[in-house]
């Protein structure tokens, strides 16, 4: 923006020479003020910093390293929507690297390591403009085929410094890999196969939905690598957001 500022000109002057018509000839110099446009001062950037604490509420489902993203008006996931490639990679293999570099991201950070059942991790993220910033959090339940939990597009501008907000998150199915629970398809410790994880071939419903839960071999699915210990209730994750700056 620009603002008009009236300046008594010192170096920038407009002068008019007038010759008096009577008496002794005199030269009179008239100095006028002029209006010039000067740039408005650039405001000093202000940091908005948040702590994101994620708690694993499951019995035996480690969470993959958490992806925390501040982004523009868009969605990381939505029930009934189609999973992006970035979300698919995270939901099938626990790899959040592409999601952290998602095209709509304004700022992002990752958890340091998987979060075990009953454990928590706190991450910090900073941005300098929250007028169009939404928070999304995503993590895979690694003893599943493509199950994940998290938070989608929550507006952080409503938090004042020192305020906190807590929510419980359900488990979703990315709809990209069939829930076979078979050996070699699950990247978590229940299977641990070196071949498990992301696969470009989509062979499930094709849309994101609430996760139906695991079946397990204890329930009669003889080809399952999972047991009843890997079952989970909803909510599976607790998320606490605190503005610290």
C-alpha atoms as a PDB file:
ATOM      1  CA  UNK A   1       0.000   0.000   0.000  1.00  0.00           C
ATOM      2  CA  UNK A   2       0.996   3.597  -0.406  1.00  0.00           C
ATOM      3  CA  UNK A   3       0.125   6.622   1.679  1.00  0.00           C
ATOM      4  CA  UNK A   4       0.159  10.300   0.729  1.00  0.00           C
ATOM      5  CA  UNK A   5       2.483  12.331   2.852  1.00  0.00           C
ATOM      6  CA  UNK A   6       2.858  16.097   2.628  1.00  0.00           C
ATOM      7  CA  UNK A   7       6.543  17.021   2.883  1.00  0.00           C
ATOM      8  CA  UNK A   8       8.106  20.459   3.276  1.00  0.00           C
ATOM      9  CA  UNK A   9      10.488  20.076   0.388  1.00  0.00           C
ATOM     10  CA  UNK A  10      14.143  20.616   0.948  1.00  0.00           C
ATOM     11  CA  UNK A  11      15.747  18.831  -1.942  1.00  0.00           C
ATOM     12  CA  UNK A  12      12.534  18.450  -3.909  1.00  0.00           C
ATOM     13  CA  UNK A  13      11.213  21.971  -4.483  1.00  0.00           C
ATOM     14  CA  UNK A  14       9.036  23.606  -7.025  1.00  0.00           C
ATOM     15  CA  UNK A  15      10.009  27.233  -7.425  1.00  0.00           C
ATOM     16  CA  UNK A  16       8.491  30.048  -9.411  1.00  0.00           C
ATOM     17  CA  UNK A  17      10.435  33.199 -10.210  1.00  0.00           C
ATOM     18  CA  UNK A  18       8.303  36.334 -10.207  1.00  0.00           C
ATOM     19  CA  UNK A  19       9.426  39.736 -11.391  1.00  0.00           C
ATOM     20  CA  UNK A  20       7.939  42.618  -9.439  1.00  0.00           C
ATOM     21  CA  UNK A  21       6.228  45.229 -11.628  1.00  0.00           C
ATOM     22  CA  UNK A  22       6.711  48.302  -9.453  1.00  0.00           C
ATOM     23  CA  UNK A  23       9.508  49.879  -7.524  1.00  0.00           C
ATOM     24  CA  UNK A  24      12.874  48.311  -7.624  1.00  0.00           C
ATOM     25  CA  UNK A  25      13.000  45.224  -9.667  1.00  0.00           C
ATOM     26  CA  UNK A  26      13.224  42.264  -7.372  1.00  0.00           C
ATOM     27  CA  UNK A  27      13.269  38.560  -7.998  1.00  0.00           C
ATOM     28  CA  UNK A  28      10.933  36.732  -5.672  1.00  0.00           C
ATOM     29  CA  UNK A  29      11.226  32.956  -5.279  1.00  0.00           C
ATOM     30  CA  UNK A  30       8.057  31.190  -4.228  1.00  0.00           C
ATOM     31  CA  UNK A  31       8.548  27.729  -2.761  1.00  0.00           C
ATOM     32  CA  UNK A  32       5.579  25.403  -2.906  1.00  0.00           C
ATOM     33  CA  UNK A  33       4.860  22.146  -1.162  1.00  0.00           C
ATOM     34  CA  UNK A  34       4.099  19.140  -3.314  1.00  0.00           C
ATOM     35  CA  UNK A  35       2.502  15.811  -2.508  1.00  0.00           C
ATOM     36  CA  UNK A  36       4.532  12.687  -3.171  1.00  0.00           C
ATOM     37  CA  UNK A  37       3.761   9.013  -2.709  1.00  0.00           C
ATOM     38  CA  UNK A  38       5.978   7.198  -0.241  1.00  0.00           C
ATOM     39  CA  UNK A  39       5.802   3.489   0.601  1.00  0.00           C
ATOM     40  CA  UNK A  40       4.048   2.563   3.818  1.00  0.00           C
ATOM     41  CA  UNK A  41       6.385   0.990   6.382  1.00  0.00           C
ATOM     42  CA  UNK A  42       6.631  -2.792   6.112  1.00  0.00           C
ATOM     43  CA  UNK A  43       5.212  -4.370   9.284  1.00  0.00           C
ATOM     44  CA  UNK A  44       7.497  -6.601  11.307  1.00  0.00           C
ATOM     45  CA  UNK A  45       6.515 -10.270  10.822  1.00  0.00           C
ATOM     46  CA  UNK A  46       4.855 -11.859  13.850  1.00  0.00           C
ATOM     47  CA  UNK A  47       5.402 -15.526  14.692  1.00  0.00           C
ATOM     48  CA  UNK A  48       2.439 -17.725  15.612  1.00  0.00           C
ATOM     49  CA  UNK A  49       3.741 -20.909  17.258  1.00  0.00           C
ATOM     50  CA  UNK A  50       1.788 -23.988  18.296  1.00  0.00           C
ATOM     51  CA  UNK A  51       2.500 -27.152  20.244  1.00  0.00           C
ATOM     52  CA  UNK A  52       0.748 -30.245  18.918  1.00  0.00           C
ATOM     53  CA  UNK A  53       0.576 -33.196  21.330  1.00  0.00           C
ATOM     54  CA  UNK A  54      -0.578 -36.538  19.923  1.00  0.00           C
ATOM     55  CA  UNK A  55      -1.488 -39.411  22.275  1.00  0.00           C
ATOM     56  CA  UNK A  56      -1.945 -43.009  21.124  1.00  0.00           C
ATOM     57  CA  UNK A  57      -5.128 -44.404  22.724  1.00  0.00           C
ATOM     58  CA  UNK A  58      -4.923 -47.906  21.231  1.00  0.00           C
ATOM     59  CA  UNK A  59      -3.972 -51.207  22.857  1.00  0.00           C
ATOM     60  CA  UNK A  60      -1.454 -52.523  20.344  1.00  0.00           C
ATOM     61  CA  UNK A  61      -1.337 -50.203  17.346  1.00  0.00           C
ATOM     62  CA  UNK A  62       1.828 -48.082  17.071  1.00  0.00           C
ATOM     63  CA  UNK A  63       1.357 -44.812  15.229  1.00  0.00           C
ATOM     64  CA  UNK A  64       3.718 -43.933  12.394  1.00  0.00           C
ATOM     65  CA  UNK A  65       5.695 -40.652  12.740  1.00  0.00           C
ATOM     66  CA  UNK A  66       3.032 -37.957  12.856  1.00  0.00           C
ATOM     67  CA  UNK A  67       2.663 -35.443  10.026  1.00  0.00           C
ATOM     68  CA  UNK A  68       1.669 -31.948  11.233  1.00  0.00           C
ATOM     69  CA  UNK A  69       0.730 -29.502   8.491  1.00  0.00           C
ATOM     70  CA  UNK A  70      -0.440 -25.881   8.412  1.00  0.00           C
ATOM     71  CA  UNK A  71      -2.012 -25.288   5.036  1.00  0.00           C
ATOM     72  CA  UNK A  72      -4.317 -23.142   2.936  1.00  0.00           C
ATOM     73  CA  UNK A  73      -8.039 -23.705   2.451  1.00  0.00           C
ATOM     74  CA  UNK A  74      -7.994 -27.331   1.360  1.00  0.00           C
ATOM     75  CA  UNK A  75      -8.294 -30.811   2.871  1.00  0.00           C
ATOM     76  CA  UNK A  76      -5.694 -33.446   3.645  1.00  0.00           C
ATOM     77  CA  UNK A  77      -8.526 -35.974   3.862  1.00  0.00           C
ATOM     78  CA  UNK A  78     -12.301 -36.132   4.035  1.00  0.00           C
ATOM     79  CA  UNK A  79     -14.723 -39.009   4.435  1.00  0.00           C
ATOM     80  CA  UNK A  80     -16.077 -39.914   1.012  1.00  0.00           C
ATOM     81  CA  UNK A  81     -13.172 -38.234  -0.751  1.00  0.00           C
ATOM     82  CA  UNK A  82     -10.418 -39.896  -2.740  1.00  0.00           C
ATOM     83  CA  UNK A  83      -7.055 -40.260  -1.030  1.00  0.00           C
ATOM     84  CA  UNK A  84      -4.242 -38.263  -2.578  1.00  0.00           C
ATOM     85  CA  UNK A  85      -1.031 -40.050  -3.482  1.00  0.00           C
ATOM     86  CA  UNK A  86       0.649 -38.333  -0.512  1.00  0.00           C
ATOM     87  CA  UNK A  87      -2.008 -39.630   1.891  1.00  0.00           C
ATOM     88  CA  UNK A  88      -1.896 -43.106   0.332  1.00  0.00           C
ATOM     89  CA  UNK A  89       1.854 -43.356   0.900  1.00  0.00           C
ATOM     90  CA  UNK A  90       1.396 -42.459   4.549  1.00  0.00           C
ATOM     91  CA  UNK A  91      -1.692 -44.646   5.128  1.00  0.00           C
ATOM     92  CA  UNK A  92      -0.189 -47.771   3.541  1.00  0.00           C
ATOM     93  CA  UNK A  93       3.460 -47.520   4.552  1.00  0.00           C
ATOM     94  CA  UNK A  94       3.708 -44.912   7.328  1.00  0.00           C
ATOM     95  CA  UNK A  95       5.929 -42.678   5.185  1.00  0.00           C
ATOM     96  CA  UNK A  96       4.907 -39.031   5.731  1.00  0.00           C
ATOM     97  CA  UNK A  97       7.650 -37.374   3.651  1.00  0.00           C
ATOM     98  CA  UNK A  98       5.444 -36.598   0.639  1.00  0.00           C
ATOM     99  CA  UNK A  99       2.592 -35.400   2.844  1.00  0.00           C
ATOM    100  CA  UNK A 100       4.916 -32.941   4.598  1.00  0.00           C
ATOM    101  CA  UNK A 101       5.755 -31.464   1.174  1.00  0.00           C
ATOM    102  CA  UNK A 102       2.145 -31.369   0.032  1.00  0.00           C
ATOM    103  CA  UNK A 103       1.486 -28.551  -2.438  1.00  0.00           C
ATOM    104  CA  UNK A 104      -0.922 -26.638  -0.161  1.00  0.00           C
ATOM    105  CA  UNK A 105       1.368 -26.754   2.882  1.00  0.00           C
ATOM    106  CA  UNK A 106       2.488 -23.436   4.377  1.00  0.00           C
ATOM    107  CA  UNK A 107       4.523 -25.096   7.136  1.00  0.00           C
ATOM    108  CA  UNK A 108       4.976 -28.679   8.278  1.00  0.00           C
ATOM    109  CA  UNK A 109       6.825 -30.821  10.779  1.00  0.00           C
ATOM    110  CA  UNK A 110       7.168 -34.513  11.570  1.00  0.00           C
ATOM    111  CA  UNK A 111       7.188 -36.568  14.701  1.00  0.00           C
ATOM    112  CA  UNK A 112      10.598 -37.971  15.592  1.00  0.00           C
ATOM    113  CA  UNK A 113       9.550 -41.629  15.764  1.00  0.00           C
ATOM    114  CA  UNK A 114       6.557 -43.976  15.971  1.00  0.00           C
ATOM    115  CA  UNK A 115       4.311 -43.455  19.009  1.00  0.00           C
ATOM    116  CA  UNK A 116       3.632 -46.622  20.963  1.00  0.00           C
ATOM    117  CA  UNK A 117       0.313 -47.518  22.607  1.00  0.00           C
ATOM    118  CA  UNK A 118      -0.362 -45.192  25.551  1.00  0.00           C
ATOM    119  CA  UNK A 119       2.529 -42.867  24.655  1.00  0.00           C
ATOM    120  CA  UNK A 120       2.523 -39.245  23.494  1.00  0.00           C
ATOM    121  CA  UNK A 121       4.712 -36.911  21.486  1.00  0.00           C
ATOM    122  CA  UNK A 122       4.706 -33.106  21.305  1.00  0.00           C
ATOM    123  CA  UNK A 123       5.756 -31.248  18.157  1.00  0.00           C
ATOM    124  CA  UNK A 124       6.032 -27.495  17.529  1.00  0.00           C
ATOM    125  CA  UNK A 125       5.154 -25.620  14.364  1.00  0.00           C
ATOM    126  CA  UNK A 126       5.462 -21.902  13.539  1.00  0.00           C
ATOM    127  CA  UNK A 127       3.909 -19.688  10.891  1.00  0.00           C
ATOM    128  CA  UNK A 128       3.851 -15.902  10.360  1.00  0.00           C
ATOM    129  CA  UNK A 129       0.305 -15.520   9.027  1.00  0.00           C
ATOM    130  CA  UNK A 130      -2.689 -17.449  10.356  1.00  0.00           C
ATOM    131  CA  UNK A 131      -5.391 -15.617   8.411  1.00  0.00           C
ATOM    132  CA  UNK A 132      -5.660 -18.534   5.985  1.00  0.00           C
ATOM    133  CA  UNK A 133      -4.010 -21.335   7.970  1.00  0.00           C
ATOM    134  CA  UNK A 134      -5.601 -24.656   8.847  1.00  0.00           C
ATOM    135  CA  UNK A 135      -4.098 -27.469  10.888  1.00  0.00           C
ATOM    136  CA  UNK A 136      -4.094 -31.097   9.763  1.00  0.00           C
ATOM    137  CA  UNK A 137      -2.545 -34.053  11.590  1.00  0.00           C
ATOM    138  CA  UNK A 138      -2.160 -37.559  10.178  1.00  0.00           C
ATOM    139  CA  UNK A 139      -0.591 -40.843  11.279  1.00  0.00           C
ATOM    140  CA  UNK A 140      -0.924 -44.494  10.217  1.00  0.00           C
ATOM    141  CA  UNK A 141      -2.000 -47.272  12.554  1.00  0.00           C
ATOM    142  CA  UNK A 142       0.858 -49.436  11.367  1.00  0.00           C
ATOM    143  CA  UNK A 143      -0.670 -52.834  12.194  1.00  0.00           C
ATOM    144  CA  UNK A 144      -3.309 -52.280   9.507  1.00  0.00           C
ATOM    145  CA  UNK A 145      -3.303 -52.270   5.718  1.00  0.00           C
ATOM    146  CA  UNK A 146      -4.215 -48.619   5.197  1.00  0.00           C
ATOM    147  CA  UNK A 147      -5.764 -47.369   8.430  1.00  0.00           C
ATOM    148  CA  UNK A 148      -4.910 -43.904   9.719  1.00  0.00           C
ATOM    149  CA  UNK A 149      -6.080 -41.325  12.216  1.00  0.00           C
ATOM    150  CA  UNK A 150      -5.836 -37.588  12.485  1.00  0.00           C
ATOM    151  CA  UNK A 151      -7.377 -34.161  12.165  1.00  0.00           C
ATOM    152  CA  UNK A 152      -8.332 -32.374   8.958  1.00  0.00           C
ATOM    153  CA  UNK A 153      -8.310 -28.617   8.323  1.00  0.00           C
ATOM    154  CA  UNK A 154      -8.924 -27.096  11.768  1.00  0.00           C
ATOM    155  CA  UNK A 155      -8.549 -23.299  11.729  1.00  0.00           C
ATOM    156  CA  UNK A 156      -5.857 -22.213  14.201  1.00  0.00           C
ATOM    157  CA  UNK A 157      -6.595 -18.473  14.112  1.00  0.00           C
ATOM    158  CA  UNK A 158      -9.190 -18.823  16.882  1.00  0.00           C
ATOM    159  CA  UNK A 159      -6.553 -19.616  19.536  1.00  0.00           C
ATOM    160  CA  UNK A 160      -5.063 -16.824  21.654  1.00  0.00           C
ATOM    161  CA  UNK A 161      -1.647 -17.173  23.264  1.00  0.00           C
ATOM    162  CA  UNK A 162      -1.906 -19.698  26.093  1.00  0.00           C
ATOM    163  CA  UNK A 163      -5.156 -21.238  24.825  1.00  0.00           C
ATOM    164  CA  UNK A 164      -5.469 -24.985  24.211  1.00  0.00           C
ATOM    165  CA  UNK A 165      -7.943 -27.116  22.303  1.00  0.00           C
ATOM    166  CA  UNK A 166      -8.318 -30.900  22.612  1.00  0.00           C
ATOM    167  CA  UNK A 167     -10.060 -33.331  20.289  1.00  0.00           C
ATOM    168  CA  UNK A 168     -10.312 -37.103  19.922  1.00  0.00           C
ATOM    169  CA  UNK A 169      -9.778 -38.534  16.459  1.00  0.00           C
ATOM    170  CA  UNK A 170     -11.291 -41.652  14.888  1.00  0.00           C
ATOM    171  CA  UNK A 171      -9.622 -44.202  12.625  1.00  0.00           C
ATOM    172  CA  UNK A 172     -10.180 -43.941   8.888  1.00  0.00           C
ATOM    173  CA  UNK A 173      -9.631 -46.316   5.983  1.00  0.00           C
ATOM    174  CA  UNK A 174      -7.812 -44.741   3.022  1.00  0.00           C
ATOM    175  CA  UNK A 175      -9.682 -47.051   0.636  1.00  0.00           C
ATOM    176  CA  UNK A 176      -6.511 -47.737  -1.340  1.00  0.00           C
ATOM    177  CA  UNK A 177      -5.509 -51.218  -0.122  1.00  0.00           C
ATOM    178  CA  UNK A 178      -7.804 -54.118   0.707  1.00  0.00           C
ATOM    179  CA  UNK A 179      -7.885 -55.041   4.396  1.00  0.00           C
ATOM    180  CA  UNK A 180      -6.568 -58.543   3.906  1.00  0.00           C
ATOM    181  CA  UNK A 181      -4.390 -58.462   7.039  1.00  0.00           C
ATOM    182  CA  UNK A 182      -2.199 -60.934   5.155  1.00  0.00           C
ATOM    183  CA  UNK A 183       1.477 -61.588   5.708  1.00  0.00           C
ATOM    184  CA  UNK A 184       3.582 -59.207   3.656  1.00  0.00           C
ATOM    185  CA  UNK A 185       0.971 -56.453   3.516  1.00  0.00           C
ATOM    186  CA  UNK A 186       1.326 -54.783   6.929  1.00  0.00           C
ATOM    187  CA  UNK A 187       4.380 -52.617   7.769  1.00  0.00           C
ATOM    188  CA  UNK A 188       3.958 -52.729  11.557  1.00  0.00           C
ATOM    189  CA  UNK A 189       5.621 -55.078  14.057  1.00  0.00           C
ATOM    190  CA  UNK A 190       2.765 -57.581  13.783  1.00  0.00           C
ATOM    191  CA  UNK A 191       4.123 -58.468  10.330  1.00  0.00           C
ATOM    192  CA  UNK A 192       7.306 -56.519   9.711  1.00  0.00           C
ATOM    193  CA  UNK A 193       7.760 -57.838   6.207  1.00  0.00           C
ATOM    194  CA  UNK A 194      10.323 -55.949   4.156  1.00  0.00           C
ATOM    195  CA  UNK A 195       7.858 -56.063   1.258  1.00  0.00           C
ATOM    196  CA  UNK A 196       4.989 -54.490   3.188  1.00  0.00           C
ATOM    197  CA  UNK A 197       3.972 -50.890   2.724  1.00  0.00           C
ATOM    198  CA  UNK A 198       2.979 -48.574  -0.112  1.00  0.00           C
ATOM    199  CA  UNK A 199       1.818 -50.153  -3.351  1.00  0.00           C
ATOM    200  CA  UNK A 200       0.803 -48.104  -6.376  1.00  0.00           C
ATOM    201  CA  UNK A 201      -1.949 -50.611  -7.226  1.00  0.00           C
ATOM    202  CA  UNK A 202      -5.218 -49.559  -5.579  1.00  0.00           C
ATOM    203  CA  UNK A 203      -7.485 -52.536  -4.904  1.00  0.00           C
ATOM    204  CA  UNK A 204     -10.028 -51.341  -2.348  1.00  0.00           C
ATOM    205  CA  UNK A 205     -13.147 -49.136  -2.330  1.00  0.00           C
ATOM    206  CA  UNK A 206     -11.364 -46.119  -3.802  1.00  0.00           C
ATOM    207  CA  UNK A 207     -12.679 -43.630  -1.232  1.00  0.00           C
ATOM    208  CA  UNK A 208     -11.917 -42.670   2.380  1.00  0.00           C
ATOM    209  CA  UNK A 209     -14.307 -44.078   4.978  1.00  0.00           C
ATOM    210  CA  UNK A 210     -14.531 -44.872   8.665  1.00  0.00           C
ATOM    211  CA  UNK A 211     -12.348 -47.905   9.324  1.00  0.00           C
ATOM    212  CA  UNK A 212     -14.383 -51.093   9.919  1.00  0.00           C
ATOM    213  CA  UNK A 213     -11.756 -52.467  12.305  1.00  0.00           C
ATOM    214  CA  UNK A 214      -9.526 -55.519  12.008  1.00  0.00           C
ATOM    215  CA  UNK A 215     -10.849 -59.079  11.927  1.00  0.00           C
ATOM    216  CA  UNK A 216      -7.759 -61.085  13.042  1.00  0.00           C
ATOM    217  CA  UNK A 217      -7.026 -64.803  12.980  1.00  0.00           C
ATOM    218  CA  UNK A 218      -8.553 -65.129  16.461  1.00  0.00           C
ATOM    219  CA  UNK A 219     -11.879 -64.285  14.869  1.00  0.00           C
ATOM    220  CA  UNK A 220     -11.581 -66.917  12.157  1.00  0.00           C
ATOM    221  CA  UNK A 221      -9.640 -65.132   9.403  1.00  0.00           C
ATOM    222  CA  UNK A 222      -6.990 -67.816   9.025  1.00  0.00           C
ATOM    223  CA  UNK A 223      -4.842 -65.789   6.620  1.00  0.00           C
ATOM    224  CA  UNK A 224      -4.621 -62.795   8.981  1.00  0.00           C
ATOM    225  CA  UNK A 225      -1.301 -61.923  10.615  1.00  0.00           C
ATOM    226  CA  UNK A 226      -3.182 -59.972  13.307  1.00  0.00           C
ATOM    227  CA  UNK A 227      -4.632 -61.055  16.648  1.00  0.00           C
ATOM    228  CA  UNK A 228      -7.357 -59.668  18.871  1.00  0.00           C
ATOM    229  CA  UNK A 229      -4.705 -57.523  20.555  1.00  0.00           C
ATOM    230  CA  UNK A 230      -4.533 -55.419  17.396  1.00  0.00           C
ATOM    231  CA  UNK A 231      -8.187 -54.447  17.529  1.00  0.00           C
ATOM    232  CA  UNK A 232      -8.903 -50.806  18.327  1.00  0.00           C
ATOM    233  CA  UNK A 233     -11.820 -48.750  19.537  1.00  0.00           C
ATOM    234  CA  UNK A 234     -12.709 -45.209  18.541  1.00  0.00           C
ATOM    235  CA  UNK A 235     -11.315 -42.732  19.269  1.00  0.00           C
ATOM    236  CA  UNK A 236      -7.812 -44.014  18.598  1.00  0.00           C
ATOM    237  CA  UNK A 237      -5.877 -40.753  18.952  1.00  0.00           C
ATOM    238  CA  UNK A 238      -6.083 -37.646  21.157  1.00  0.00           C
ATOM    239  CA  UNK A 239      -4.787 -34.349  19.789  1.00  0.00           C
ATOM    240  CA  UNK A 240      -4.038 -31.259  21.903  1.00  0.00           C
ATOM    241  CA  UNK A 241      -3.244 -27.935  20.246  1.00  0.00           C
ATOM    242  CA  UNK A 242      -1.715 -25.118  22.333  1.00  0.00           C
ATOM    243  CA  UNK A 243      -0.728 -21.691  21.064  1.00  0.00           C
ATOM    244  CA  UNK A 244       2.536 -20.748  22.762  1.00  0.00           C
ATOM    245  CA  UNK A 245       3.453 -17.575  20.832  1.00  0.00           C
END
